[in-house]
Amino acid sequence: MNDLELEITSKAYNDIEIMSDYIAKDNKTAATKFVKLFYKTFKTLCKHPYLGKSREDFTYLDVKFYIVKRNYLIIYRTIDNKTLRILRILTTYQEVCSIL
C-alpha cells in the first residue's frame, strides 16, 4: 500500500497553533519539538492509517483516534484509501464528545 496523501483541516491547524503558542510561553524549544512530533506522527499515520482506534463511545462519526504523548488525540479519517484527513488535535482534558 502506498502512503496516503496528508490533508490537514483548518481546525486541526488552529488546534496545533493554540497548543504550541501555549507551550511557547514557557519554552519555545519545547513548542517547536511539539509541532515536529505531530508532523512526524502524521507521516506515520499516512503509512499506517489503521494505527488509530474507532471510538463509538465518543462519536458515531467514521473517525479514528490516535494518542500522542498520553494527553493529545489526533482525530482523523481516511478518504477513499487515498487521503488521510486530520480533523482535529485535542487534549484529553477537553470534552471530546461535545467538540466532535
Protein backbone atom coordinates (compact mmCIF):
# COMPACT_ATOMS: atom_id res chain seq x y z
CA MET A 1 0.00 0.00 0.00
CA ASN A 2 1.29 3.44 -0.90
CA ASP A 3 1.40 6.23 1.63
CA LEU A 4 -1.80 8.21 1.84
CA GLU A 5 -1.75 11.90 0.99
CA LEU A 6 -1.96 14.17 4.00
CA GLU A 7 -4.71 16.74 4.35
CA ILE A 8 -4.98 18.90 7.47
CA THR A 9 -8.17 20.82 8.16
CA SER A 10 -8.07 24.45 9.22
CA LYS A 11 -9.46 23.42 12.63
CA ALA A 12 -6.57 21.00 13.13
CA TYR A 13 -4.04 23.68 12.12
CA ASN A 14 -5.68 26.02 14.60
CA ASP A 15 -5.57 23.35 17.33
CA ILE A 16 -1.83 22.87 16.85
CA GLU A 17 -1.21 26.61 16.79
CA ILE A 18 -3.12 27.21 20.02
CA MET A 19 -1.30 24.38 21.81
CA SER A 20 2.15 25.33 20.55
CA ASP A 21 1.58 29.02 21.42
CA TYR A 22 0.63 27.99 24.94
CA ILE A 23 3.76 25.85 25.29
CA ALA A 24 5.95 28.57 23.74
CA LYS A 25 5.06 30.99 26.53
CA ASP A 26 7.30 28.92 28.80
CA ASN A 27 9.60 27.14 26.36
CA LYS A 28 9.94 27.94 22.65
CA THR A 29 12.18 24.94 22.02
CA ALA A 30 9.58 22.60 23.51
CA ALA A 31 6.89 24.20 21.34
CA THR A 32 8.96 23.57 18.21
CA LYS A 33 9.53 19.94 19.25
CA PHE A 34 5.80 19.61 19.92
CA VAL A 35 4.89 20.69 16.39
CA LYS A 36 7.58 18.47 14.83
CA LEU A 37 6.28 15.49 16.81
CA PHE A 38 2.80 15.94 15.36
CA TYR A 39 4.03 16.21 11.79
CA LYS A 40 6.18 13.11 12.29
CA THR A 41 3.11 11.31 13.65
CA PHE A 42 1.05 12.47 10.67
CA LYS A 43 3.62 10.87 8.35
CA THR A 44 3.44 7.64 10.33
CA LEU A 45 -0.35 7.63 10.10
CA CYS A 46 -0.14 8.18 6.33
CA LYS A 47 1.94 4.99 6.14
CA HIS A 48 -0.14 3.08 8.69
CA PRO A 49 -3.66 4.56 8.80
CA TYR A 50 -5.06 1.67 10.83
CA LEU A 51 -2.98 2.51 13.91
CA GLY A 52 -5.81 4.63 15.29
CA LYS A 53 -8.85 3.25 17.05
CA SER A 54 -12.53 3.87 16.41
CA ARG A 55 -14.42 5.06 19.49
CA GLU A 56 -18.15 4.60 19.28
CA ASP A 57 -18.33 5.71 22.92
CA PHE A 58 -17.07 9.16 21.77
CA THR A 59 -18.82 9.63 18.43
CA TYR A 60 -20.85 7.90 15.76
CA LEU A 61 -18.69 9.55 13.08
CA ASP A 62 -16.40 7.39 10.97
CA VAL A 63 -13.18 8.66 12.52
CA LYS A 64 -10.15 7.19 14.25
CA PHE A 65 -8.32 8.41 17.32
CA TYR A 66 -4.57 8.20 17.82
CA ILE A 67 -2.99 9.12 21.15
CA VAL A 68 0.23 11.14 21.25
CA LYS A 69 2.18 11.57 24.50
CA ARG A 70 -0.75 10.35 26.60
CA ASN A 71 -2.56 13.72 26.56
CA TYR A 72 -3.19 14.52 22.91
CA LEU A 73 -5.63 12.97 20.46
CA ILE A 74 -5.25 13.12 16.70
CA ILE A 75 -8.69 12.66 15.20
CA TYR A 76 -8.62 11.62 11.56
CA ARG A 77 -10.32 9.72 8.79
CA THR A 78 -9.23 8.13 5.56
CA ILE A 79 -10.87 9.23 2.34
CA ASP A 80 -11.16 6.63 -0.47
CA ASN A 81 -7.96 4.90 0.71
CA LYS A 82 -6.04 7.81 -0.85
CA THR A 83 -6.09 10.62 1.68
CA LEU A 84 -5.56 10.88 5.41
CA ARG A 85 -7.53 13.87 6.67
CA ILE A 86 -6.54 15.25 10.07
CA LEU A 87 -9.74 16.66 11.53
CA ARG A 88 -8.74 17.84 14.98
CA ILE A 89 -5.96 17.73 17.56
CA LEU A 90 -7.43 17.75 21.05
CA THR A 91 -6.16 17.25 24.56
CA THR A 92 -7.55 14.56 26.78
CA TYR A 93 -8.59 17.39 29.13
CA GLN A 94 -11.13 18.68 26.63
CA GLU A 95 -14.73 17.46 26.29
CA VAL A 96 -14.01 15.42 23.19
CA CYS A 97 -17.58 14.19 22.74
CA SER A 98 -19.08 17.66 22.77
CA ILE A 99 -16.41 19.09 20.43
CA LEU A 100 -16.98 16.45 17.78
